[in-house]
Amino acid sequence: MATFVIGYDIRDKRRLQRVHRAVLKHAAPIEYSVFVLDGNIKDATRCMEELSALIDPREDDLRCYPLPARGVQFRLGKASLPEGIVWTGLPSGCTMVV
């Protein structure tokens, strides 16, 4: 199991909506256009292939970065989740702990 960060910058509103809906099938949102995917390299590849078919590579930017397995993860600034919700790092299909 690995963790990947997926981010995008989509110029066209219609493509943006399509990409956003598609990435939600694979990853959990952590910011407006930044997502975390917990899975293996095949999961990340499958996600990126699906998203790549939806973008215009001349105008849009789509990226995927693996996170180190034992890297330090922390956040600064305003919380993206409501108070009382704890991110457990579970795959997007699982519920979060309240």
C-alpha atoms as a PDB file:
ATOM      1  CA  MET A   1       0.000   0.000   0.000  1.00  0.00           C
ATOM      2  CA  ALA A   2       1.274   3.456  -0.911  1.00  0.00           C
ATOM      3  CA  THR A   3      -0.018   7.015  -0.796  1.00  0.00           C
ATOM      4  CA  PHE A   4      -0.085   9.342  -3.788  1.00  0.00           C
ATOM      5  CA  VAL A   5      -0.912  13.029  -4.068  1.00  0.00           C
ATOM      6  CA  ILE A   6      -2.837  13.967  -7.215  1.00  0.00           C
ATOM      7  CA  GLY A   7      -3.256  17.579  -8.275  1.00  0.00           C
ATOM      8  CA  TYR A   8      -4.572  19.346 -11.325  1.00  0.00           C
ATOM      9  CA  ASP A   9      -5.058  22.728 -12.954  1.00  0.00           C
ATOM     10  CA  ILE A  10      -7.824  22.527 -15.559  1.00  0.00           C
ATOM     11  CA  ARG A  11      -8.565  25.605 -17.696  1.00  0.00           C
ATOM     12  CA  ASP A  12     -12.020  24.711 -19.016  1.00  0.00           C
ATOM     13  CA  LYS A  13     -14.929  24.612 -16.552  1.00  0.00           C
ATOM     14  CA  ARG A  14     -16.583  21.632 -18.237  1.00  0.00           C
ATOM     15  CA  ARG A  15     -13.366  19.575 -18.259  1.00  0.00           C
ATOM     16  CA  LEU A  16     -12.743  20.616 -14.658  1.00  0.00           C
ATOM     17  CA  GLN A  17     -16.098  19.196 -13.571  1.00  0.00           C
ATOM     18  CA  ARG A  18     -15.467  15.936 -15.445  1.00  0.00           C
ATOM     19  CA  VAL A  19     -11.988  15.530 -13.970  1.00  0.00           C
ATOM     20  CA  HIS A  20     -13.239  16.347 -10.474  1.00  0.00           C
ATOM     21  CA  ARG A  21     -16.013  13.720 -10.664  1.00  0.00           C
ATOM     22  CA  ALA A  22     -13.595  11.136 -12.069  1.00  0.00           C
ATOM     23  CA  VAL A  23     -10.860  11.637  -9.464  1.00  0.00           C
ATOM     24  CA  LEU A  24     -13.400  11.306  -6.644  1.00  0.00           C
ATOM     25  CA  LYS A  25     -13.887   7.678  -7.715  1.00  0.00           C
ATOM     26  CA  HIS A  26     -10.247   6.976  -6.836  1.00  0.00           C
ATOM     27  CA  ALA A  27      -9.045   9.475  -4.239  1.00  0.00           C
ATOM     28  CA  ALA A  28     -10.150  11.631  -1.316  1.00  0.00           C
ATOM     29  CA  PRO A  29     -10.056  15.443  -1.580  1.00  0.00           C
ATOM     30  CA  ILE A  30      -7.720  17.330   0.729  1.00  0.00           C
ATOM     31  CA  GLU A  31      -7.901  20.710  -1.043  1.00  0.00           C
ATOM     32  CA  TYR A  32      -9.888  22.087  -3.991  1.00  0.00           C
ATOM     33  CA  SER A  33      -7.772  20.420  -6.687  1.00  0.00           C
ATOM     34  CA  VAL A  34      -5.510  18.217  -4.545  1.00  0.00           C
ATOM     35  CA  PHE A  35      -6.376  14.636  -3.658  1.00  0.00           C
ATOM     36  CA  VAL A  36      -4.805  11.733  -1.781  1.00  0.00           C
ATOM     37  CA  LEU A  37      -4.968   8.216  -3.186  1.00  0.00           C
ATOM     38  CA  ASP A  38      -4.206   5.268  -0.922  1.00  0.00           C
ATOM     39  CA  GLY A  39      -3.458   2.215  -3.020  1.00  0.00           C
ATOM     40  CA  ASN A  40      -0.736   0.675  -5.125  1.00  0.00           C
ATOM     41  CA  ILE A  41       0.996   1.772  -8.316  1.00  0.00           C
ATOM     42  CA  LYS A  42      -1.674   0.024 -10.415  1.00  0.00           C
ATOM     43  CA  ASP A  43      -4.398   2.051  -8.678  1.00  0.00           C
ATOM     44  CA  ALA A  44      -2.523   5.301  -9.305  1.00  0.00           C
ATOM     45  CA  THR A  45      -1.836   4.359 -12.930  1.00  0.00           C
ATOM     46  CA  ARG A  46      -5.480   3.465 -13.526  1.00  0.00           C
ATOM     47  CA  CYS A  47      -6.581   6.794 -12.034  1.00  0.00           C
ATOM     48  CA  MET A  48      -4.091   8.819 -14.073  1.00  0.00           C
ATOM     49  CA  GLU A  49      -5.038   7.020 -17.298  1.00  0.00           C
ATOM     50  CA  GLU A  50      -8.712   7.797 -16.720  1.00  0.00           C
ATOM     51  CA  LEU A  51      -7.978  11.447 -15.908  1.00  0.00           C
ATOM     52  CA  SER A  52      -5.547  11.827 -18.824  1.00  0.00           C
ATOM     53  CA  ALA A  53      -8.332  10.922 -21.229  1.00  0.00           C
ATOM     54  CA  LEU A  54     -10.409  13.842 -19.886  1.00  0.00           C
ATOM     55  CA  ILE A  55      -7.874  16.670 -20.082  1.00  0.00           C
ATOM     56  CA  ASP A  56      -6.417  18.802 -22.860  1.00  0.00           C
ATOM     57  CA  PRO A  57      -2.638  18.399 -22.357  1.00  0.00           C
ATOM     58  CA  ARG A  58      -1.997  21.686 -24.225  1.00  0.00           C
ATOM     59  CA  GLU A  59      -3.976  23.677 -21.628  1.00  0.00           C
ATOM     60  CA  ASP A  60      -4.277  21.557 -18.490  1.00  0.00           C
ATOM     61  CA  ASP A  61      -1.832  20.261 -15.903  1.00  0.00           C
ATOM     62  CA  LEU A  62      -2.287  16.897 -14.168  1.00  0.00           C
ATOM     63  CA  ARG A  63       0.265  15.507 -11.699  1.00  0.00           C
ATOM     64  CA  CYS A  64       0.689  12.523  -9.392  1.00  0.00           C
ATOM     65  CA  TYR A  65       3.410  12.233  -6.748  1.00  0.00           C
ATOM     66  CA  PRO A  66       4.131   9.252  -4.479  1.00  0.00           C
ATOM     67  CA  LEU A  67       4.608  10.094  -0.807  1.00  0.00           C
ATOM     68  CA  PRO A  68       7.411   8.390   1.127  1.00  0.00           C
ATOM     69  CA  ALA A  69       6.180   5.411   3.129  1.00  0.00           C
ATOM     70  CA  ARG A  70       7.643   6.673   6.390  1.00  0.00           C
ATOM     71  CA  GLY A  71       7.676  10.378   5.639  1.00  0.00           C
ATOM     72  CA  VAL A  72       6.475  12.999   8.091  1.00  0.00           C
ATOM     73  CA  GLN A  73       3.025  14.334   7.250  1.00  0.00           C
ATOM     74  CA  PHE A  74       1.688  17.494   8.863  1.00  0.00           C
ATOM     75  CA  ARG A  75      -0.533  20.415   7.972  1.00  0.00           C
ATOM     76  CA  LEU A  76      -0.312  24.121   8.632  1.00  0.00           C
ATOM     77  CA  GLY A  77      -3.148  26.604   8.315  1.00  0.00           C
ATOM     78  CA  LYS A  78      -6.905  26.353   8.361  1.00  0.00           C
ATOM     79  CA  ALA A  79      -8.269  22.828   8.716  1.00  0.00           C
ATOM     80  CA  SER A  80      -9.923  21.424   5.604  1.00  0.00           C
ATOM     81  CA  LEU A  81     -12.136  19.084   7.659  1.00  0.00           C
ATOM     82  CA  PRO A  82     -14.746  20.230  10.190  1.00  0.00           C
ATOM     83  CA  GLU A  83     -13.767  20.196  13.859  1.00  0.00           C
ATOM     84  CA  GLY A  84     -14.193  16.727  15.352  1.00  0.00           C
ATOM     85  CA  ILE A  85     -13.468  14.891  12.095  1.00  0.00           C
ATOM     86  CA  VAL A  86     -10.162  13.004  12.154  1.00  0.00           C
ATOM     87  CA  TRP A  87      -8.420  11.917   8.938  1.00  0.00           C
ATOM     88  CA  THR A  88      -7.451   8.273   9.367  1.00  0.00           C
ATOM     89  CA  GLY A  89      -5.751   7.739   6.018  1.00  0.00           C
ATOM     90  CA  LEU A  90      -8.349   5.173   4.985  1.00  0.00           C
ATOM     91  CA  PRO A  91      -9.159   4.676   1.296  1.00  0.00           C
ATOM     92  CA  SER A  92     -11.811   7.032  -0.069  1.00  0.00           C
ATOM     93  CA  GLY A  93     -14.539   4.370   0.141  1.00  0.00           C
ATOM     94  CA  CYS A  94     -14.237   4.178   3.946  1.00  0.00           C
ATOM     95  CA  THR A  95     -15.806   6.500   6.468  1.00  0.00           C
ATOM     96  CA  MET A  96     -13.898   8.898   8.677  1.00  0.00           C
ATOM     97  CA  VAL A  97     -13.802   8.729  12.473  1.00  0.00           C
ATOM     98  CA  VAL A  98     -15.921  11.301  14.329  1.00  0.00           C
END
